N, C-alpha and C. Protein backbone atom coordinates (compact mmCIF):
# COMPACT_ATOMS: atom_id res chain seq x y z
N UNK A 1 3.96 -3.98 13.60
CA UNK A 1 3.75 -4.44 12.26
C UNK A 1 2.67 -3.58 11.60
N UNK A 2 2.87 -3.24 10.34
CA UNK A 2 1.85 -2.46 9.65
C UNK A 2 0.57 -3.27 9.47
N UNK A 3 -0.52 -2.58 9.38
CA UNK A 3 -1.80 -3.22 9.15
C UNK A 3 -2.67 -2.29 8.31
N UNK A 4 -3.64 -2.85 7.62
CA UNK A 4 -4.57 -2.04 6.83
C UNK A 4 -5.34 -1.09 7.74
N UNK A 5 -5.57 0.11 7.25
CA UNK A 5 -6.44 1.02 7.98
C UNK A 5 -7.85 0.44 8.01
N UNK A 6 -8.60 0.79 9.01
CA UNK A 6 -9.96 0.26 9.18
C UNK A 6 -10.88 0.65 8.03
N UNK A 7 -10.60 1.77 7.36
CA UNK A 7 -11.47 2.23 6.28
C UNK A 7 -10.98 1.81 4.89
N UNK A 8 -10.21 0.73 4.84
CA UNK A 8 -9.78 0.15 3.57
C UNK A 8 -10.44 -1.23 3.45
N UNK A 9 -11.18 -1.41 2.38
CA UNK A 9 -11.86 -2.69 2.10
C UNK A 9 -11.06 -3.46 1.07
N UNK A 10 -11.14 -4.78 1.14
CA UNK A 10 -10.45 -5.63 0.17
C UNK A 10 -11.44 -6.60 -0.47
N UNK A 11 -11.17 -6.91 -1.73
CA UNK A 11 -11.96 -7.90 -2.46
C UNK A 11 -10.99 -8.76 -3.26
N UNK A 12 -10.98 -10.07 -3.03
CA UNK A 12 -10.12 -10.93 -3.83
C UNK A 12 -10.62 -11.00 -5.27
N UNK A 13 -9.68 -11.02 -6.20
CA UNK A 13 -9.98 -11.20 -7.62
C UNK A 13 -9.11 -12.34 -8.12
N UNK A 14 -9.35 -12.77 -9.34
CA UNK A 14 -8.67 -13.94 -9.89
C UNK A 14 -7.15 -13.82 -9.78
N UNK A 15 -6.60 -12.67 -10.07
CA UNK A 15 -5.14 -12.54 -10.11
C UNK A 15 -4.59 -11.62 -9.02
N UNK A 16 -5.28 -11.52 -7.88
CA UNK A 16 -4.76 -10.67 -6.82
C UNK A 16 -5.84 -10.16 -5.88
N UNK A 17 -5.79 -8.87 -5.64
CA UNK A 17 -6.67 -8.27 -4.65
C UNK A 17 -6.94 -6.82 -5.05
N UNK A 18 -8.18 -6.38 -4.86
CA UNK A 18 -8.53 -4.99 -5.08
C UNK A 18 -8.79 -4.36 -3.71
N UNK A 19 -8.23 -3.18 -3.50
CA UNK A 19 -8.42 -2.45 -2.26
C UNK A 19 -9.19 -1.17 -2.56
N UNK A 20 -10.10 -0.81 -1.68
CA UNK A 20 -10.85 0.43 -1.80
C UNK A 20 -10.55 1.28 -0.59
N UNK A 21 -10.02 2.47 -0.84
CA UNK A 21 -9.82 3.46 0.22
C UNK A 21 -11.15 4.19 0.35
N UNK A 22 -11.90 3.86 1.38
CA UNK A 22 -13.24 4.41 1.55
C UNK A 22 -13.22 5.91 1.84
N UNK A 23 -12.11 6.45 2.31
CA UNK A 23 -12.01 7.89 2.54
C UNK A 23 -12.01 8.67 1.23
N UNK A 24 -11.30 8.13 0.24
CA UNK A 24 -11.12 8.85 -1.02
C UNK A 24 -11.95 8.28 -2.16
N UNK A 25 -12.43 7.03 -2.00
CA UNK A 25 -13.14 6.37 -3.08
C UNK A 25 -12.20 5.81 -4.14
N UNK A 26 -10.92 5.82 -3.86
CA UNK A 26 -9.93 5.36 -4.83
C UNK A 26 -9.69 3.85 -4.68
N UNK A 27 -9.56 3.18 -5.83
CA UNK A 27 -9.30 1.75 -5.88
C UNK A 27 -7.83 1.49 -6.20
N UNK A 28 -7.31 0.41 -5.65
CA UNK A 28 -5.94 -0.03 -5.92
C UNK A 28 -5.99 -1.52 -6.23
N UNK A 29 -5.12 -1.97 -7.12
CA UNK A 29 -5.06 -3.38 -7.47
C UNK A 29 -3.69 -3.93 -7.11
N UNK A 30 -3.68 -5.05 -6.40
CA UNK A 30 -2.45 -5.78 -6.13
C UNK A 30 -2.46 -7.05 -6.94
N UNK A 31 -1.33 -7.37 -7.56
CA UNK A 31 -1.25 -8.66 -8.24
C UNK A 31 -1.14 -9.76 -7.18
N UNK A 32 -1.01 -10.99 -7.62
CA UNK A 32 -1.02 -12.11 -6.69
C UNK A 32 0.11 -12.02 -5.67
N UNK A 33 1.30 -11.66 -6.09
CA UNK A 33 2.41 -11.57 -5.14
C UNK A 33 2.22 -10.41 -4.17
N UNK A 34 1.66 -9.31 -4.64
CA UNK A 34 1.34 -8.20 -3.73
C UNK A 34 0.30 -8.60 -2.71
N UNK A 35 -0.66 -9.40 -3.14
CA UNK A 35 -1.69 -9.89 -2.22
C UNK A 35 -1.09 -10.82 -1.17
N UNK A 36 -0.08 -11.60 -1.56
CA UNK A 36 0.61 -12.47 -0.60
C UNK A 36 1.28 -11.61 0.47
N UNK A 37 1.97 -10.57 0.04
CA UNK A 37 2.65 -9.68 0.99
C UNK A 37 1.63 -9.04 1.93
N UNK A 38 0.56 -8.51 1.40
CA UNK A 38 -0.46 -7.89 2.24
C UNK A 38 -1.07 -8.91 3.19
N UNK A 39 -1.32 -10.12 2.72
CA UNK A 39 -1.87 -11.15 3.59
C UNK A 39 -0.98 -11.43 4.79
N UNK A 40 0.33 -11.46 4.56
CA UNK A 40 1.27 -11.66 5.67
C UNK A 40 1.19 -10.50 6.65
N UNK A 41 1.11 -9.28 6.15
CA UNK A 41 1.00 -8.11 7.02
C UNK A 41 -0.27 -8.17 7.85
N UNK A 42 -1.37 -8.51 7.22
CA UNK A 42 -2.65 -8.60 7.92
C UNK A 42 -2.59 -9.67 9.02
N UNK A 43 -1.84 -10.74 8.76
CA UNK A 43 -1.70 -11.81 9.74
C UNK A 43 -0.68 -11.49 10.83
N UNK A 44 -0.12 -10.28 10.79
CA UNK A 44 0.79 -9.85 11.85
C UNK A 44 2.27 -10.00 11.53
N UNK A 45 2.58 -10.45 10.34
CA UNK A 45 3.98 -10.59 9.95
C UNK A 45 4.55 -9.28 9.44
N UNK A 46 5.80 -9.31 9.16
CA UNK A 46 6.50 -8.14 8.64
C UNK A 46 7.16 -8.44 7.31
N UNK A 47 8.10 -7.59 6.96
CA UNK A 47 8.77 -7.70 5.67
C UNK A 47 9.49 -9.04 5.49
N UNK A 48 10.19 -9.50 6.52
CA UNK A 48 10.93 -10.76 6.42
C UNK A 48 9.98 -11.94 6.21
N UNK A 49 8.87 -11.95 6.94
CA UNK A 49 7.90 -13.03 6.79
C UNK A 49 7.23 -12.98 5.41
N UNK A 50 7.00 -11.78 4.92
CA UNK A 50 6.43 -11.64 3.58
C UNK A 50 7.40 -12.18 2.53
N UNK A 51 8.68 -11.90 2.70
CA UNK A 51 9.69 -12.43 1.77
C UNK A 51 9.72 -13.95 1.84
N UNK A 52 9.62 -14.50 3.05
CA UNK A 52 9.57 -15.97 3.17
C UNK A 52 8.39 -16.55 2.41
N UNK A 53 7.23 -15.90 2.54
CA UNK A 53 6.03 -16.38 1.85
C UNK A 53 6.22 -16.31 0.34
N UNK A 54 6.88 -15.27 -0.15
CA UNK A 54 7.12 -15.16 -1.59
C UNK A 54 8.06 -16.25 -2.09
N UNK A 55 9.11 -16.56 -1.31
CA UNK A 55 10.04 -17.60 -1.77
C UNK A 55 9.40 -18.99 -1.72
N UNK A 56 8.45 -19.18 -0.80
CA UNK A 56 7.75 -20.46 -0.73
C UNK A 56 6.79 -20.64 -1.90
N UNK A 57 6.22 -19.54 -2.35
CA UNK A 57 5.19 -19.63 -3.39
C UNK A 57 5.73 -19.48 -4.81
N UNK A 58 6.79 -18.71 -4.95
CA UNK A 58 7.32 -18.39 -6.29
C UNK A 58 8.78 -18.80 -6.40
N UNK A 59 9.24 -18.97 -7.61
CA UNK A 59 10.65 -19.27 -7.88
C UNK A 59 11.42 -17.95 -7.88
N UNK A 60 11.74 -17.48 -6.67
CA UNK A 60 12.41 -16.19 -6.52
C UNK A 60 13.44 -16.33 -5.39
N UNK A 61 14.55 -15.65 -5.53
CA UNK A 61 15.57 -15.69 -4.48
C UNK A 61 15.11 -14.91 -3.26
N UNK A 62 15.71 -15.20 -2.14
CA UNK A 62 15.38 -14.48 -0.90
C UNK A 62 15.68 -12.99 -1.07
N UNK A 63 16.81 -12.68 -1.71
CA UNK A 63 17.18 -11.28 -1.93
C UNK A 63 16.11 -10.55 -2.74
N UNK A 64 15.66 -11.17 -3.83
CA UNK A 64 14.63 -10.54 -4.65
C UNK A 64 13.31 -10.45 -3.91
N UNK A 65 12.98 -11.48 -3.13
CA UNK A 65 11.74 -11.47 -2.36
C UNK A 65 11.75 -10.33 -1.34
N UNK A 66 12.89 -10.08 -0.71
CA UNK A 66 12.98 -8.97 0.24
C UNK A 66 12.78 -7.62 -0.46
N UNK A 67 13.36 -7.50 -1.64
CA UNK A 67 13.19 -6.26 -2.41
C UNK A 67 11.72 -6.09 -2.79
N UNK A 68 11.10 -7.16 -3.28
CA UNK A 68 9.70 -7.09 -3.71
C UNK A 68 8.77 -6.78 -2.54
N UNK A 69 8.99 -7.45 -1.41
CA UNK A 69 8.15 -7.20 -0.24
C UNK A 69 8.28 -5.76 0.23
N UNK A 70 9.51 -5.26 0.27
CA UNK A 70 9.74 -3.87 0.69
C UNK A 70 9.04 -2.89 -0.25
N UNK A 71 9.06 -3.19 -1.54
CA UNK A 71 8.42 -2.31 -2.53
C UNK A 71 6.90 -2.27 -2.33
N UNK A 72 6.30 -3.43 -2.12
CA UNK A 72 4.85 -3.48 -1.90
C UNK A 72 4.49 -2.72 -0.63
N UNK A 73 5.25 -2.95 0.43
CA UNK A 73 4.96 -2.27 1.70
C UNK A 73 5.14 -0.76 1.56
N UNK A 74 6.18 -0.34 0.87
CA UNK A 74 6.39 1.09 0.63
C UNK A 74 5.23 1.70 -0.15
N UNK A 75 4.79 1.00 -1.19
CA UNK A 75 3.67 1.48 -2.01
C UNK A 75 2.40 1.61 -1.18
N UNK A 76 2.13 0.63 -0.33
CA UNK A 76 0.95 0.67 0.53
C UNK A 76 1.03 1.84 1.53
N UNK A 77 2.22 2.06 2.08
CA UNK A 77 2.41 3.19 2.99
C UNK A 77 2.21 4.51 2.25
N UNK A 78 2.83 4.63 1.09
CA UNK A 78 2.75 5.87 0.31
C UNK A 78 1.31 6.19 -0.06
N UNK A 79 0.53 5.16 -0.38
CA UNK A 79 -0.88 5.36 -0.73
C UNK A 79 -1.74 5.62 0.50
N UNK A 80 -1.15 5.46 1.69
CA UNK A 80 -1.91 5.69 2.92
C UNK A 80 -2.87 4.58 3.26
N UNK A 81 -2.61 3.37 2.75
CA UNK A 81 -3.51 2.25 2.97
C UNK A 81 -3.20 1.46 4.24
N UNK A 82 -1.96 1.53 4.69
CA UNK A 82 -1.59 0.84 5.91
C UNK A 82 -1.01 1.83 6.91
N UNK A 83 -1.25 1.53 8.15
CA UNK A 83 -0.72 2.35 9.22
C UNK A 83 0.63 1.79 9.63
N UNK A 84 1.53 2.65 10.08
CA UNK A 84 2.86 2.16 10.50
C UNK A 84 2.78 1.26 11.71
């Protein structure tokens, strides 16, 4: 399961989460649903579990939740914030 790199810090904000890549000094913002996905990953879950969490919290279909979770995970990988 992917997990945040050790040099990435997080700070909760009213509508999501801010991440700081300490290697680059670059900040990233996740909205509330992105923060839900990341929280599942940090807790050891994967894409399917993240989609389940989204359907429990939001009025979204399982299909859309899977798409959304995959997009957040892809974005985190692309930014180099999570390890495979």
